[in-house]
Amino acid sequence: VVLLPANLPYLLDPLWQSLASPASIADANPVLSDQFYQYHAWKSVLWQALDQGELPWWTPAVNGGQPLLANGQIGLLDPTNLVALLFPLATSYVVGALLRLWIAAAFTYAYARRIGLSQMGAWLALLVFTFSGPLVNWLGATPSHILIWLPALLWAGEKCLVERTLGAALLTAGLLAILLVSSQPEIAFQVGVV
């Protein structure tokens, strides 16, 4: 899995092709272009603003001015992004990916056990969801920031339905709040409905 396909300009941009080694063009995967041209671009602008001590409410550099904090492609308030901010930009992709895989795995296992699956069944569920196509294919992009919360919400929802306590309801509401601020509001809506 390539988390940041930074060699795409060598494949797609005529200005860079003359500078490219044959290996960088051969290895470039244009299917991953959103991860470099969109998600990485937004993340770079975000990190520059934070590095300058600014809360990135707005950026004048895109489309003559555009909201930055509310942009659904950035996910500043996503917990995995907040932790990844502690690392250099290139390292943050690996840290964020590992955190997302760990969260997906932990809550899938917890949900599987909650609904009565055996340990072996819970481990199988953990492996199937954590390394499923949608999660792994979008691991370097913001849809994975949303998808990882599906098993957490199922676990919390089941807990809320069975226990019927204020604590369980608050936990479910907190996870829904995390889901909604993570990024990709259209995918967050769909996961929230489930």
Protein backbone atom coordinates (compact mmCIF):
# COMPACT_ATOMS: atom_id res chain seq x y z
CA VAL A 1 0.00 0.00 0.00
CA VAL A 2 1.33 3.42 -0.95
CA LEU A 3 0.15 6.00 1.57
CA LEU A 4 1.47 9.00 -0.35
CA PRO A 5 2.05 8.47 -4.09
CA ALA A 6 4.34 11.50 -4.47
CA ASN A 7 5.76 10.22 -7.76
CA LEU A 8 2.53 10.97 -9.67
CA PRO A 9 3.72 14.33 -11.06
CA TYR A 10 6.45 12.45 -12.92
CA LEU A 11 3.82 10.34 -14.66
CA LEU A 12 1.14 12.96 -15.29
CA ASP A 13 2.84 16.36 -15.56
CA PRO A 14 4.86 17.04 -18.73
CA LEU A 15 7.00 19.60 -16.88
CA TRP A 16 8.28 16.92 -14.48
CA GLN A 17 8.55 13.97 -16.87
CA SER A 18 11.97 14.99 -18.16
CA LEU A 19 13.32 14.95 -14.59
CA ALA A 20 11.93 11.53 -13.74
CA SER A 21 13.81 8.31 -13.46
CA PRO A 22 12.25 5.40 -15.39
CA ALA A 23 11.49 3.64 -12.09
CA SER A 24 9.47 6.56 -10.72
CA ILE A 25 7.27 6.60 -13.83
CA ALA A 26 6.89 2.81 -13.91
CA ASP A 27 5.82 2.66 -10.24
CA ALA A 28 3.33 5.56 -10.39
CA ASN A 29 -0.29 4.57 -9.89
CA PRO A 30 -2.74 7.18 -11.24
CA VAL A 31 -5.61 5.51 -9.37
CA LEU A 32 -4.15 7.01 -6.17
CA SER A 33 -4.07 10.57 -7.53
CA ASP A 34 -6.65 11.91 -5.03
CA GLN A 35 -4.33 10.99 -2.17
CA PHE A 36 -1.56 13.19 -3.54
CA TYR A 37 -3.32 15.97 -5.43
CA GLN A 38 -6.20 16.49 -3.01
CA TYR A 39 -5.70 15.01 0.48
CA HIS A 40 -1.97 15.73 0.68
CA ALA A 41 -2.45 19.24 -0.72
CA TRP A 42 -5.06 20.06 1.93
CA LYS A 43 -2.96 18.50 4.67
CA SER A 44 0.09 20.52 3.61
CA VAL A 45 -1.88 23.78 3.76
CA LEU A 46 -3.26 22.79 7.15
CA TRP A 47 0.17 21.99 8.56
CA GLN A 48 1.62 25.26 7.23
CA ALA A 49 -1.13 27.23 8.97
CA LEU A 50 -0.66 25.35 12.24
CA ASP A 51 3.12 25.77 11.98
CA GLN A 52 2.62 29.53 11.74
CA GLY A 53 0.47 29.46 14.88
CA GLU A 54 -2.80 30.07 13.06
CA LEU A 55 -6.04 28.19 13.57
CA PRO A 56 -6.92 27.41 9.98
CA TRP A 57 -10.44 28.81 9.70
CA TRP A 58 -9.92 30.07 6.17
CA THR A 59 -7.36 29.89 3.39
CA PRO A 60 -7.09 32.59 0.73
CA ALA A 61 -4.87 30.29 -1.37
CA VAL A 62 -7.67 28.07 -2.73
CA ASN A 63 -10.39 29.26 -5.12
CA GLY A 64 -9.89 32.88 -4.10
CA GLY A 65 -10.68 31.99 -0.49
CA GLN A 66 -12.30 28.96 1.07
CA PRO A 67 -13.08 27.60 4.55
CA LEU A 68 -10.26 25.34 5.67
CA LEU A 69 -11.32 24.05 9.08
CA ALA A 70 -14.79 23.07 7.79
CA ASN A 71 -13.42 21.42 4.66
CA GLY A 72 -14.61 17.81 4.56
CA GLN A 73 -11.34 16.61 3.04
CA ILE A 74 -9.07 17.68 5.90
CA GLY A 75 -10.42 16.18 9.10
CA LEU A 76 -8.38 18.33 11.48
CA LEU A 77 -10.44 17.25 14.49
CA ASP A 78 -10.17 13.54 13.66
CA PRO A 79 -8.40 11.91 16.64
CA THR A 80 -5.91 10.09 14.41
CA ASN A 81 -5.00 13.39 12.72
CA LEU A 82 -4.59 15.12 16.07
CA VAL A 83 -2.10 12.47 17.17
CA ALA A 84 -0.37 12.53 13.76
CA LEU A 85 0.21 16.29 14.17
CA LEU A 86 2.89 15.40 16.71
CA PHE A 87 5.05 13.90 13.92
CA PRO A 88 6.65 15.26 10.73
CA LEU A 89 4.30 15.37 7.73
CA ALA A 90 5.70 12.30 5.95
CA THR A 91 5.74 10.26 9.17
CA SER A 92 2.21 11.36 10.01
CA TYR A 93 0.83 9.25 7.16
CA VAL A 94 2.26 6.07 8.68
CA VAL A 95 1.28 7.01 12.24
CA GLY A 96 -2.27 7.90 11.17
CA ALA A 97 -2.64 4.69 9.15
CA LEU A 98 -1.43 2.52 12.04
CA LEU A 99 -3.75 4.28 14.49
CA ARG A 100 -6.72 3.85 12.17
CA LEU A 101 -5.99 0.14 11.71
CA TRP A 102 -5.60 -0.31 15.46
CA ILE A 103 -8.88 1.51 16.24
CA ALA A 104 -10.76 -0.51 13.61
CA ALA A 105 -9.28 -3.76 14.92
CA ALA A 106 -9.90 -3.03 18.61
CA PHE A 107 -13.52 -2.00 18.20
CA THR A 108 -14.29 -4.81 15.75
CA TYR A 109 -13.01 -7.32 18.28
CA ALA A 110 -14.91 -5.60 21.12
CA TYR A 111 -18.15 -5.54 19.11
CA ALA A 112 -17.80 -9.17 18.04
CA ARG A 113 -17.32 -10.24 21.66
CA ARG A 114 -20.19 -7.98 22.77
CA ILE A 115 -22.65 -9.74 20.47
CA GLY A 116 -21.51 -13.16 21.67
CA LEU A 117 -18.99 -14.39 19.11
CA SER A 118 -16.27 -16.73 20.33
CA GLN A 119 -12.69 -15.50 20.60
CA MET A 120 -11.85 -17.20 17.31
CA GLY A 121 -14.89 -15.61 15.66
CA ALA A 122 -13.96 -12.20 17.07
CA TRP A 123 -10.41 -12.55 15.73
CA LEU A 124 -11.76 -13.51 12.33
CA ALA A 125 -14.09 -10.48 12.36
CA LEU A 126 -11.15 -8.28 13.38
CA LEU A 127 -9.04 -9.51 10.46
CA VAL A 128 -11.85 -9.30 7.90
CA PHE A 129 -12.93 -5.74 8.75
CA THR A 130 -9.50 -4.27 9.51
CA PHE A 131 -8.01 -5.49 6.25
CA SER A 132 -11.15 -5.14 4.12
CA GLY A 133 -10.99 -3.49 0.72
CA PRO A 134 -12.68 -0.19 1.61
CA LEU A 135 -10.56 0.37 4.70
CA VAL A 136 -7.20 -0.62 3.21
CA ASN A 137 -7.82 1.03 -0.17
CA TRP A 138 -8.65 4.35 1.50
CA LEU A 139 -6.06 4.07 4.28
CA GLY A 140 -4.03 7.00 2.97
CA ALA A 141 -7.11 9.16 2.44
CA THR A 142 -9.86 10.63 4.58
CA PRO A 143 -12.65 8.05 3.96
CA SER A 144 -10.76 5.68 6.27
CA HIS A 145 -11.02 8.31 9.03
CA ILE A 146 -14.77 7.65 8.98
CA LEU A 147 -14.92 3.93 8.24
CA ILE A 148 -12.90 3.02 11.34
CA TRP A 149 -15.67 4.31 13.60
CA LEU A 150 -18.34 1.90 12.27
CA PRO A 151 -17.45 -0.98 14.64
CA ALA A 152 -17.04 1.50 17.52
CA LEU A 153 -20.55 2.82 16.91
CA LEU A 154 -21.98 -0.69 16.61
CA TRP A 155 -20.26 -1.66 19.88
CA ALA A 156 -21.47 1.48 21.68
CA GLY A 157 -24.97 1.17 20.22
CA GLU A 158 -25.24 -2.44 21.39
CA LYS A 159 -23.96 -1.39 24.82
CA CYS A 160 -26.52 1.40 24.94
CA LEU A 161 -29.40 -0.89 23.97
CA VAL A 162 -28.47 -3.60 26.48
CA GLU A 163 -27.39 -1.52 29.49
CA ARG A 164 -29.77 1.45 29.05
CA THR A 165 -27.59 3.73 31.19
CA LEU A 166 -26.74 7.39 30.82
CA GLY A 167 -23.05 6.49 30.55
CA ALA A 168 -23.66 4.20 27.58
CA ALA A 169 -25.81 6.85 25.90
CA LEU A 170 -23.12 9.49 26.43
CA LEU A 171 -20.47 7.14 25.04
CA THR A 172 -22.56 6.56 21.91
CA ALA A 173 -23.17 10.30 21.54
CA GLY A 174 -19.44 10.99 21.97
CA LEU A 175 -18.54 8.47 19.26
CA LEU A 176 -21.13 10.03 16.94
CA ALA A 177 -19.56 13.44 17.60
CA ILE A 178 -16.11 12.07 16.75
CA LEU A 179 -17.56 10.56 13.59
CA LEU A 180 -19.06 13.88 12.49
CA VAL A 181 -15.90 15.95 13.02
CA SER A 182 -13.49 13.41 11.53
CA SER A 183 -13.99 14.39 7.84
CA GLN A 184 -16.00 13.34 4.80
CA PRO A 185 -19.48 14.43 5.99
CA GLU A 186 -21.26 12.43 3.29
CA ILE A 187 -19.63 9.15 4.38
CA ALA A 188 -20.05 10.11 8.06
CA PHE A 189 -23.79 10.49 7.46
CA GLN A 190 -24.01 7.03 5.91
CA VAL A 191 -22.00 5.38 8.71
CA GLY A 192 -24.04 7.28 11.32
CA VAL A 193 -27.29 6.02 9.81
CA VAL A 194 -26.03 2.43 10.07
